[in-house]
Amino acid sequence: MITVGMNYVVLSGKEETFEVAFRGVLKAMQEQPGHTESHLWKDTANPQSYLITSEWSDRGAFDAFIHSESFKKIANWGRDQILAGRPRHQIFESGN
């Protein structure tokens, strides 16, 4: 199992748009083989800063999702319309 932490900073005024878009991404994740659960966290000290935690059965399942056409579409839209900078992702793998 792996847990992925995806850190995002959004443009001022785009917080609600990002949160709505996350619900669409969550739906796409839930349809992916190997996805267990995901959550969106908002930084109370910086309302433009978010963390998405996502659990997957293995690295291959997560990689398949981030290379999917549905993820590419939302990522391109976010980069052009919503994000204040490049997202940072961290992957934590647990032993079997």
PDB file of N, CA and C in Angstrom:
ATOM      1  N   MET A   1       0.836  -1.167   0.000  1.00  0.00           N
ATOM      2  CA  MET A   1       0.000   0.000   0.000  1.00  0.00           C
ATOM      3  C   MET A   1       0.889   1.240   0.000  1.00  0.00           C
ATOM      4  N   ILE A   2       0.420   2.278  -0.703  1.00  0.00           N
ATOM      5  CA  ILE A   2       1.116   3.561  -0.673  1.00  0.00           C
ATOM      6  C   ILE A   2       0.133   4.663  -0.302  1.00  0.00           C
ATOM      7  N   THR A   3       0.666   5.698   0.303  1.00  0.00           N
ATOM      8  CA  THR A   3      -0.088   6.918   0.572  1.00  0.00           C
ATOM      9  C   THR A   3       0.618   8.036  -0.166  1.00  0.00           C
ATOM     10  N   VAL A   4      -0.152   8.821  -0.893  1.00  0.00           N
ATOM     11  CA  VAL A   4       0.395   9.921  -1.666  1.00  0.00           C
ATOM     12  C   VAL A   4      -0.092  11.224  -1.056  1.00  0.00           C
ATOM     13  N   GLY A   5       0.834  12.132  -0.798  1.00  0.00           N
ATOM     14  CA  GLY A   5       0.503  13.480  -0.341  1.00  0.00           C
ATOM     15  C   GLY A   5       0.725  14.438  -1.495  1.00  0.00           C
ATOM     16  N   MET A   6      -0.331  15.106  -1.921  1.00  0.00           N
ATOM     17  CA  MET A   6      -0.258  16.040  -3.043  1.00  0.00           C
ATOM     18  C   MET A   6      -0.531  17.439  -2.507  1.00  0.00           C
ATOM     19  N   ASN A   7       0.490  18.294  -2.546  1.00  0.00           N
ATOM     20  CA  ASN A   7       0.420  19.644  -1.989  1.00  0.00           C
ATOM     21  C   ASN A   7       0.154  20.660  -3.101  1.00  0.00           C
ATOM     22  N   TYR A   8      -0.848  21.499  -2.877  1.00  0.00           N
ATOM     23  CA  TYR A   8      -1.232  22.500  -3.872  1.00  0.00           C
ATOM     24  C   TYR A   8      -1.382  23.860  -3.216  1.00  0.00           C
ATOM     25  N   VAL A   9      -0.991  24.914  -3.932  1.00  0.00           N
ATOM     26  CA  VAL A   9      -1.279  26.289  -3.535  1.00  0.00           C
ATOM     27  C   VAL A   9      -2.062  26.884  -4.699  1.00  0.00           C
ATOM     28  N   VAL A  10      -3.238  27.433  -4.393  1.00  0.00           N
ATOM     29  CA  VAL A  10      -4.099  27.974  -5.441  1.00  0.00           C
ATOM     30  C   VAL A  10      -4.037  29.495  -5.460  1.00  0.00           C
ATOM     31  N   LEU A  11      -4.428  30.057  -6.574  1.00  0.00           N
ATOM     32  CA  LEU A  11      -4.483  31.503  -6.710  1.00  0.00           C
ATOM     33  C   LEU A  11      -5.539  32.074  -5.766  1.00  0.00           C
ATOM     34  N   SER A  12      -5.288  33.264  -5.260  1.00  0.00           N
ATOM     35  CA  SER A  12      -6.243  33.926  -4.381  1.00  0.00           C
ATOM     36  C   SER A  12      -7.593  34.060  -5.080  1.00  0.00           C
ATOM     37  N   GLY A  13      -8.650  33.702  -4.375  1.00  0.00           N
ATOM     38  CA  GLY A  13      -9.989  33.781  -4.938  1.00  0.00           C
ATOM     39  C   GLY A  13     -10.430  32.517  -5.668  1.00  0.00           C
ATOM     40  N   LYS A  14      -9.530  31.558  -5.831  1.00  0.00           N
ATOM     41  CA  LYS A  14      -9.846  30.323  -6.563  1.00  0.00           C
ATOM     42  C   LYS A  14     -10.044  29.125  -5.631  1.00  0.00           C
ATOM     43  N   GLU A  15     -10.104  29.382  -4.327  1.00  0.00           N
ATOM     44  CA  GLU A  15     -10.207  28.292  -3.361  1.00  0.00           C
ATOM     45  C   GLU A  15     -11.464  27.443  -3.585  1.00  0.00           C
ATOM     46  N   GLU A  16     -12.615  28.069  -3.719  1.00  0.00           N
ATOM     47  CA  GLU A  16     -13.857  27.316  -3.899  1.00  0.00           C
ATOM     48  C   GLU A  16     -13.843  26.543  -5.215  1.00  0.00           C
ATOM     49  N   THR A  17     -13.309  27.145  -6.255  1.00  0.00           N
ATOM     50  CA  THR A  17     -13.211  26.459  -7.549  1.00  0.00           C
ATOM     51  C   THR A  17     -12.339  25.217  -7.432  1.00  0.00           C
ATOM     52  N   PHE A  18     -11.233  25.325  -6.710  1.00  0.00           N
ATOM     53  CA  PHE A  18     -10.357  24.179  -6.493  1.00  0.00           C
ATOM     54  C   PHE A  18     -11.090  23.080  -5.727  1.00  0.00           C
ATOM     55  N   GLU A  19     -11.807  23.457  -4.687  1.00  0.00           N
ATOM     56  CA  GLU A  19     -12.520  22.478  -3.880  1.00  0.00           C
ATOM     57  C   GLU A  19     -13.595  21.753  -4.691  1.00  0.00           C
ATOM     58  N   VAL A  20     -14.304  22.475  -5.543  1.00  0.00           N
ATOM     59  CA  VAL A  20     -15.310  21.855  -6.412  1.00  0.00           C
ATOM     60  C   VAL A  20     -14.627  20.915  -7.401  1.00  0.00           C
ATOM     61  N   ALA A  21     -13.515  21.352  -7.984  1.00  0.00           N
ATOM     62  CA  ALA A  21     -12.779  20.512  -8.933  1.00  0.00           C
ATOM     63  C   ALA A  21     -12.274  19.240  -8.256  1.00  0.00           C
ATOM     64  N   PHE A  22     -11.878  19.343  -6.988  1.00  0.00           N
ATOM     65  CA  PHE A  22     -11.409  18.163  -6.269  1.00  0.00           C
ATOM     66  C   PHE A  22     -12.489  17.090  -6.223  1.00  0.00           C
ATOM     67  N   ARG A  23     -13.732  17.496  -6.054  1.00  0.00           N
ATOM     68  CA  ARG A  23     -14.814  16.503  -6.019  1.00  0.00           C
ATOM     69  C   ARG A  23     -14.860  15.715  -7.333  1.00  0.00           C
ATOM     70  N   GLY A  24     -14.578  16.368  -8.458  1.00  0.00           N
ATOM     71  CA  GLY A  24     -14.515  15.672  -9.739  1.00  0.00           C
ATOM     72  C   GLY A  24     -13.329  14.728  -9.808  1.00  0.00           C
ATOM     73  N   VAL A  25     -12.201  15.172  -9.305  1.00  0.00           N
ATOM     74  CA  VAL A  25     -11.007  14.323  -9.274  1.00  0.00           C
ATOM     75  C   VAL A  25     -11.245  13.128  -8.364  1.00  0.00           C
ATOM     76  N   LEU A  26     -11.891  13.358  -7.232  1.00  0.00           N
ATOM     77  CA  LEU A  26     -12.192  12.270  -6.302  1.00  0.00           C
ATOM     78  C   LEU A  26     -13.059  11.212  -6.972  1.00  0.00           C
ATOM     79  N   LYS A  27     -14.041  11.655  -7.724  1.00  0.00           N
ATOM     80  CA  LYS A  27     -14.906  10.701  -8.442  1.00  0.00           C
ATOM     81  C   LYS A  27     -14.079   9.866  -9.413  1.00  0.00           C
ATOM     82  N   ALA A  28     -13.170  10.521 -10.138  1.00  0.00           N
ATOM     83  CA  ALA A  28     -12.304   9.790 -11.079  1.00  0.00           C
ATOM     84  C   ALA A  28     -11.395   8.819 -10.332  1.00  0.00           C
ATOM     85  N   MET A  29     -10.869   9.224  -9.177  1.00  0.00           N
ATOM     86  CA  MET A  29     -10.014   8.344  -8.385  1.00  0.00           C
ATOM     87  C   MET A  29     -10.780   7.112  -7.921  1.00  0.00           C
ATOM     88  N   GLN A  30     -12.007   7.320  -7.459  1.00  0.00           N
ATOM     89  CA  GLN A  30     -12.801   6.219  -6.926  1.00  0.00           C
ATOM     90  C   GLN A  30     -13.098   5.157  -7.983  1.00  0.00           C
ATOM     91  N   GLU A  31     -13.043   5.533  -9.241  1.00  0.00           N
ATOM     92  CA  GLU A  31     -13.297   4.596 -10.331  1.00  0.00           C
ATOM     93  C   GLU A  31     -12.037   3.851 -10.762  1.00  0.00           C
ATOM     94  N   GLN A  32     -10.891   4.233 -10.207  1.00  0.00           N
ATOM     95  CA  GLN A  32      -9.618   3.631 -10.599  1.00  0.00           C
ATOM     96  C   GLN A  32      -9.326   2.367  -9.804  1.00  0.00           C
ATOM     97  N   PRO A  33      -8.888   1.312 -10.487  1.00  0.00           N
ATOM     98  CA  PRO A  33      -8.464   0.107  -9.763  1.00  0.00           C
ATOM     99  C   PRO A  33      -7.306   0.444  -8.823  1.00  0.00           C
ATOM    100  N   GLY A  34      -7.373  -0.075  -7.610  1.00  0.00           N
ATOM    101  CA  GLY A  34      -6.296   0.122  -6.653  1.00  0.00           C
ATOM    102  C   GLY A  34      -6.456   1.318  -5.735  1.00  0.00           C
ATOM    103  N   HIS A  35      -7.439   2.202  -6.010  1.00  0.00           N
ATOM    104  CA  HIS A  35      -7.663   3.358  -5.138  1.00  0.00           C
ATOM    105  C   HIS A  35      -8.426   2.907  -3.904  1.00  0.00           C
ATOM    106  N   THR A  36      -7.980   3.354  -2.731  1.00  0.00           N
ATOM    107  CA  THR A  36      -8.647   3.000  -1.484  1.00  0.00           C
ATOM    108  C   THR A  36      -9.481   4.170  -0.965  1.00  0.00           C
ATOM    109  N   GLU A  37      -8.826   5.305  -0.714  1.00  0.00           N
ATOM    110  CA  GLU A  37      -9.536   6.489  -0.242  1.00  0.00           C
ATOM    111  C   GLU A  37      -8.673   7.731  -0.441  1.00  0.00           C
ATOM    112  N   SER A  38      -9.352   8.884  -0.491  1.00  0.00           N
ATOM    113  CA  SER A  38      -8.662  10.167  -0.614  1.00  0.00           C
ATOM    114  C   SER A  38      -9.399  11.216   0.210  1.00  0.00           C
ATOM    115  N   HIS A  39      -8.630  12.214   0.665  1.00  0.00           N
ATOM    116  CA  HIS A  39      -9.197  13.303   1.465  1.00  0.00           C
ATOM    117  C   HIS A  39      -8.523  14.617   1.075  1.00  0.00           C
ATOM    118  N   LEU A  40      -9.290  15.690   1.133  1.00  0.00           N
ATOM    119  CA  LEU A  40      -8.776  17.034   0.897  1.00  0.00           C
ATOM    120  C   LEU A  40      -8.659  17.743   2.235  1.00  0.00           C
ATOM    121  N   TRP A  41      -7.482  18.314   2.488  1.00  0.00           N
ATOM    122  CA  TRP A  41      -7.197  19.041   3.727  1.00  0.00           C
ATOM    123  C   TRP A  41      -6.856  20.483   3.368  1.00  0.00           C
ATOM    124  N   LYS A  42      -7.363  21.426   4.153  1.00  0.00           N
ATOM    125  CA  LYS A  42      -7.094  22.845   3.929  1.00  0.00           C
ATOM    126  C   LYS A  42      -6.274  23.382   5.096  1.00  0.00           C
ATOM    127  N   ASP A  43      -5.226  24.108   4.794  1.00  0.00           N
ATOM    128  CA  ASP A  43      -4.352  24.698   5.809  1.00  0.00           C
ATOM    129  C   ASP A  43      -5.074  25.878   6.466  1.00  0.00           C
ATOM    130  N   THR A  44      -5.291  25.808   7.767  1.00  0.00           N
ATOM    131  CA  THR A  44      -5.999  26.887   8.457  1.00  0.00           C
ATOM    132  C   THR A  44      -5.160  28.166   8.560  1.00  0.00           C
ATOM    133  N   ALA A  45      -3.848  28.033   8.437  1.00  0.00           N
ATOM    134  CA  ALA A  45      -2.968  29.203   8.496  1.00  0.00           C
ATOM    135  C   ALA A  45      -2.820  29.871   7.129  1.00  0.00           C
ATOM    136  N   ASN A  46      -3.092  29.125   6.062  1.00  0.00           N
ATOM    137  CA  ASN A  46      -2.987  29.659   4.703  1.00  0.00           C
ATOM    138  C   ASN A  46      -4.110  29.049   3.877  1.00  0.00           C
ATOM    139  N   PRO A  47      -5.240  29.739   3.737  1.00  0.00           N
ATOM    140  CA  PRO A  47      -6.404  29.163   3.063  1.00  0.00           C
ATOM    141  C   PRO A  47      -6.200  28.872   1.577  1.00  0.00           C
ATOM    142  N   GLN A  48      -5.079  29.244   1.024  1.00  0.00           N
ATOM    143  CA  GLN A  48      -4.779  28.932  -0.369  1.00  0.00           C
ATOM    144  C   GLN A  48      -3.942  27.654  -0.494  1.00  0.00           C
ATOM    145  N   SER A  49      -3.593  27.057   0.634  1.00  0.00           N
ATOM    146  CA  SER A  49      -2.750  25.866   0.661  1.00  0.00           C
ATOM    147  C   SER A  49      -3.592  24.630   0.997  1.00  0.00           C
ATOM    148  N   TYR A  50      -3.438  23.588   0.169  1.00  0.00           N
ATOM    149  CA  TYR A  50      -4.203  22.358   0.330  1.00  0.00           C
ATOM    150  C   TYR A  50      -3.288  21.144   0.281  1.00  0.00           C
ATOM    151  N   LEU A  51      -3.768  20.074   0.904  1.00  0.00           N
ATOM    152  CA  LEU A  51      -3.112  18.777   0.835  1.00  0.00           C
ATOM    153  C   LEU A  51      -4.175  17.749   0.495  1.00  0.00           C
ATOM    154  N   ILE A  52      -3.891  16.931  -0.492  1.00  0.00           N
ATOM    155  CA  ILE A  52      -4.739  15.782  -0.796  1.00  0.00           C
ATOM    156  C   ILE A  52      -3.951  14.553  -0.384  1.00  0.00           C
ATOM    157  N   THR A  53      -4.548  13.739   0.486  1.00  0.00           N
ATOM    158  CA  THR A  53      -3.938  12.452   0.818  1.00  0.00           C
ATOM    159  C   THR A  53      -4.745  11.383   0.102  1.00  0.00           C
ATOM    160  N   SER A  54      -4.025  10.437  -0.471  1.00  0.00           N
ATOM    161  CA  SER A  54      -4.662   9.417  -1.288  1.00  0.00           C
ATOM    162  C   SER A  54      -3.983   8.079  -1.032  1.00  0.00           C
ATOM    163  N   GLU A  55      -4.778   7.050  -0.770  1.00  0.00           N
ATOM    164  CA  GLU A  55      -4.237   5.717  -0.532  1.00  0.00           C
ATOM    165  C   GLU A  55      -4.526   4.825  -1.731  1.00  0.00           C
ATOM    166  N   TRP A  56      -3.490   4.058  -2.103  1.00  0.00           N
ATOM    167  CA  TRP A  56      -3.566   3.168  -3.266  1.00  0.00           C
ATOM    168  C   TRP A  56      -2.999   1.805  -2.884  1.00  0.00           C
ATOM    169  N   SER A  57      -3.446   0.784  -3.574  1.00  0.00           N
ATOM    170  CA  SER A  57      -2.965  -0.572  -3.281  1.00  0.00           C
ATOM    171  C   SER A  57      -1.480  -0.710  -3.569  1.00  0.00           C
ATOM    172  N   ASP A  58      -0.997   0.011  -4.599  1.00  0.00           N
ATOM    173  CA  ASP A  58       0.414  -0.067  -4.965  1.00  0.00           C
ATOM    174  C   ASP A  58       0.776   1.114  -5.862  1.00  0.00           C
ATOM    175  N   ARG A  59       2.059   1.289  -6.076  1.00  0.00           N
ATOM    176  CA  ARG A  59       2.570   2.413  -6.878  1.00  0.00           C
ATOM    177  C   ARG A  59       2.068   2.347  -8.321  1.00  0.00           C
ATOM    178  N   GLY A  60       1.963   1.141  -8.880  1.00  0.00           N
ATOM    179  CA  GLY A  60       1.490   0.987 -10.256  1.00  0.00           C
ATOM    180  C   GLY A  60       0.079   1.508 -10.450  1.00  0.00           C
ATOM    181  N   ALA A  61      -0.793   1.297  -9.463  1.00  0.00           N
ATOM    182  CA  ALA A  61      -2.171   1.785  -9.560  1.00  0.00           C
ATOM    183  C   ALA A  61      -2.196   3.314  -9.555  1.00  0.00           C
ATOM    184  N   PHE A  62      -1.403   3.932  -8.684  1.00  0.00           N
ATOM    185  CA  PHE A  62      -1.343   5.402  -8.657  1.00  0.00           C
ATOM    186  C   PHE A  62      -0.755   5.940  -9.949  1.00  0.00           C
ATOM    187  N   ASP A  63       0.338   5.336 -10.418  1.00  0.00           N
ATOM    188  CA  ASP A  63       0.958   5.790 -11.665  1.00  0.00           C
ATOM    189  C   ASP A  63      -0.009   5.697 -12.835  1.00  0.00           C
ATOM    190  N   ALA A  64      -0.808   4.627 -12.873  1.00  0.00           N
ATOM    191  CA  ALA A  64      -1.798   4.481 -13.945  1.00  0.00           C
ATOM    192  C   ALA A  64      -2.800   5.632 -13.892  1.00  0.00           C
ATOM    193  N   PHE A  65      -3.210   6.028 -12.695  1.00  0.00           N
ATOM    194  CA  PHE A  65      -4.146   7.138 -12.569  1.00  0.00           C
ATOM    195  C   PHE A  65      -3.533   8.449 -13.043  1.00  0.00           C
ATOM    196  N   ILE A  66      -2.320   8.765 -12.586  1.00  0.00           N
ATOM    197  CA  ILE A  66      -1.753  10.069 -12.966  1.00  0.00           C
ATOM    198  C   ILE A  66      -1.362  10.138 -14.442  1.00  0.00           C
ATOM    199  N   HIS A  67      -1.307   8.997 -15.102  1.00  0.00           N
ATOM    200  CA  HIS A  67      -1.050   8.990 -16.544  1.00  0.00           C
ATOM    201  C   HIS A  67      -2.334   8.838 -17.355  1.00  0.00           C
ATOM    202  N   SER A  68      -3.485   8.807 -16.671  1.00  0.00           N
ATOM    203  CA  SER A  68      -4.765   8.650 -17.355  1.00  0.00           C
ATOM    204  C   SER A  68      -5.178   9.960 -18.029  1.00  0.00           C
ATOM    205  N   GLU A  69      -6.012   9.835 -19.020  1.00  0.00           N
ATOM    206  CA  GLU A  69      -6.499  11.010 -19.747  1.00  0.00           C
ATOM    207  C   GLU A  69      -7.337  11.908 -18.841  1.00  0.00           C
ATOM    208  N   SER A  70      -8.145  11.327 -17.944  1.00  0.00           N
ATOM    209  CA  SER A  70      -8.981  12.151 -17.054  1.00  0.00           C
ATOM    210  C   SER A  70      -8.122  12.995 -16.115  1.00  0.00           C
ATOM    211  N   PHE A  71      -7.027  12.429 -15.596  1.00  0.00           N
ATOM    212  CA  PHE A  71      -6.150  13.202 -14.728  1.00  0.00           C
ATOM    213  C   PHE A  71      -5.427  14.290 -15.521  1.00  0.00           C
ATOM    214  N   LYS A  72      -4.974  13.976 -16.720  1.00  0.00           N
ATOM    215  CA  LYS A  72      -4.274  14.974 -17.539  1.00  0.00           C
ATOM    216  C   LYS A  72      -5.149  16.180 -17.822  1.00  0.00           C
ATOM    217  N   LYS A  73      -6.430  15.940 -18.119  1.00  0.00           N
ATOM    218  CA  LYS A  73      -7.340  17.049 -18.417  1.00  0.00           C
ATOM    219  C   LYS A  73      -7.493  17.975 -17.222  1.00  0.00           C
ATOM    220  N   ILE A  74      -7.734  17.413 -16.053  1.00  0.00           N
ATOM    221  CA  ILE A  74      -7.928  18.250 -14.871  1.00  0.00           C
ATOM    222  C   ILE A  74      -6.618  18.921 -14.454  1.00  0.00           C
ATOM    223  N   ALA A  75      -5.502  18.230 -14.625  1.00  0.00           N
ATOM    224  CA  ALA A  75      -4.205  18.810 -14.263  1.00  0.00           C
ATOM    225  C   ALA A  75      -3.870  19.995 -15.163  1.00  0.00           C
ATOM    226  N   ASN A  76      -4.130  19.870 -16.452  1.00  0.00           N
ATOM    227  CA  ASN A  76      -3.858  20.977 -17.379  1.00  0.00           C
ATOM    228  C   ASN A  76      -4.749  22.173 -17.076  1.00  0.00           C
ATOM    229  N   TRP A  77      -6.015  21.928 -16.800  1.00  0.00           N
ATOM    230  CA  TRP A  77      -6.932  23.007 -16.463  1.00  0.00           C
ATOM    231  C   TRP A  77      -6.494  23.689 -15.174  1.00  0.00           C
ATOM    232  N   GLY A  78      -6.135  22.904 -14.169  1.00  0.00           N
ATOM    233  CA  GLY A  78      -5.694  23.467 -12.902  1.00  0.00           C
ATOM    234  C   GLY A  78      -4.451  24.310 -13.053  1.00  0.00           C
ATOM    235  N   ARG A  79      -3.497  23.806 -13.823  1.00  0.00           N
ATOM    236  CA  ARG A  79      -2.243  24.536 -14.027  1.00  0.00           C
ATOM    237  C   ARG A  79      -2.506  25.886 -14.685  1.00  0.00           C
ATOM    238  N   ASP A  80      -3.429  25.916 -15.634  1.00  0.00           N
ATOM    239  CA  ASP A  80      -3.690  27.141 -16.393  1.00  0.00           C
ATOM    240  C   ASP A  80      -4.634  28.109 -15.679  1.00  0.00           C
ATOM    241  N   GLN A  81      -5.525  27.598 -14.825  1.00  0.00           N
ATOM    242  CA  GLN A  81      -6.602  28.421 -14.284  1.00  0.00           C
ATOM    243  C   GLN A  81      -6.600  28.609 -12.761  1.00  0.00           C
ATOM    244  N   ILE A  82      -5.990  27.682 -12.022  1.00  0.00           N
ATOM    245  CA  ILE A  82      -6.224  27.628 -10.585  1.00  0.00           C
ATOM    246  C   ILE A  82      -4.955  27.716  -9.737  1.00  0.00           C
ATOM    247  N   LEU A  83      -3.919  27.022 -10.131  1.00  0.00           N
ATOM    248  CA  LEU A  83      -2.752  26.867  -9.263  1.00  0.00           C
ATOM    249  C   LEU A  83      -1.806  28.061  -9.295  1.00  0.00           C
ATOM    250  N   ALA A  84      -1.241  28.372  -8.118  1.00  0.00           N
ATOM    251  CA  ALA A  84      -0.290  29.468  -7.997  1.00  0.00           C
ATOM    252  C   ALA A  84       1.143  29.001  -8.248  1.00  0.00           C
ATOM    253  N   GLY A  85       1.337  27.710  -8.335  1.00  0.00           N
ATOM    254  CA  GLY A  85       2.664  27.152  -8.563  1.00  0.00           C
ATOM    255  C   GLY A  85       2.570  25.671  -8.863  1.00  0.00           C
ATOM    256  N   ARG A  86       3.703  25.074  -9.069  1.00  0.00           N
ATOM    257  CA  ARG A  86       3.751  23.651  -9.380  1.00  0.00           C
ATOM    258  C   ARG A  86       3.400  22.814  -8.143  1.00  0.00           C
ATOM    259  N   PRO A  87       2.527  21.804  -8.298  1.00  0.00           N
ATOM    260  CA  PRO A  87       2.201  20.937  -7.160  1.00  0.00           C
ATOM    261  C   PRO A  87       3.420  20.135  -6.714  1.00  0.00           C
ATOM    262  N   ARG A  88       3.434  19.758  -5.445  1.00  0.00           N
ATOM    263  CA  ARG A  88       4.488  18.902  -4.897  1.00  0.00           C
ATOM    264  C   ARG A  88       3.843  17.618  -4.408  1.00  0.00           C
ATOM    265  N   HIS A  89       4.361  16.497  -4.842  1.00  0.00           N
ATOM    266  CA  HIS A  89       3.833  15.189  -4.446  1.00  0.00           C
ATOM    267  C   HIS A  89       4.877  14.419  -3.674  1.00  0.00           C
ATOM    268  N   GLN A  90       4.433  13.703  -2.632  1.00  0.00           N
ATOM    269  CA  GLN A  90       5.302  12.812  -1.871  1.00  0.00           C
ATOM    270  C   GLN A  90       4.604  11.464  -1.792  1.00  0.00           C
ATOM    271  N   ILE A  91       5.382  10.395  -1.955  1.00  0.00           N
ATOM    272  CA  ILE A  91       4.830   9.048  -1.888  1.00  0.00           C
ATOM    273  C   ILE A  91       5.452   8.327  -0.712  1.00  0.00           C
ATOM    274  N   PHE A  92       4.587   7.745   0.111  1.00  0.00           N
ATOM    275  CA  PHE A  92       5.004   6.983   1.277  1.00  0.00           C
ATOM    276  C   PHE A  92       4.579   5.539   1.063  1.00  0.00           C
ATOM    277  N   GLU A  93       5.531   4.626   1.028  1.00  0.00           N
ATOM    278  CA  GLU A  93       5.234   3.221   0.798  1.00  0.00           C
ATOM    279  C   GLU A  93       5.376   2.443   2.090  1.00  0.00           C
ATOM    280  N   SER A  94       4.395   1.589   2.354  1.00  0.00           N
ATOM    281  CA  SER A  94       4.472   0.732   3.531  1.00  0.00           C
ATOM    282  C   SER A  94       4.935  -0.646   3.107  1.00  0.00           C
ATOM    283  N   GLY A  95       5.649  -1.327   3.982  1.00  0.00           N
ATOM    284  CA  GLY A  95       6.138  -2.663   3.696  1.00  0.00           C
ATOM    285  C   GLY A  95       5.008  -3.655   3.674  1.00  0.00           C
ATOM    286  N   ASN A  96       5.211  -4.751   2.993  1.00  0.00           N
ATOM    287  CA  ASN A  96       4.173  -5.777   2.900  1.00  0.00           C
ATOM    288  C   ASN A  96       4.212  -6.701   4.083  1.00  0.00           C
TER     289      ASN A  96
END
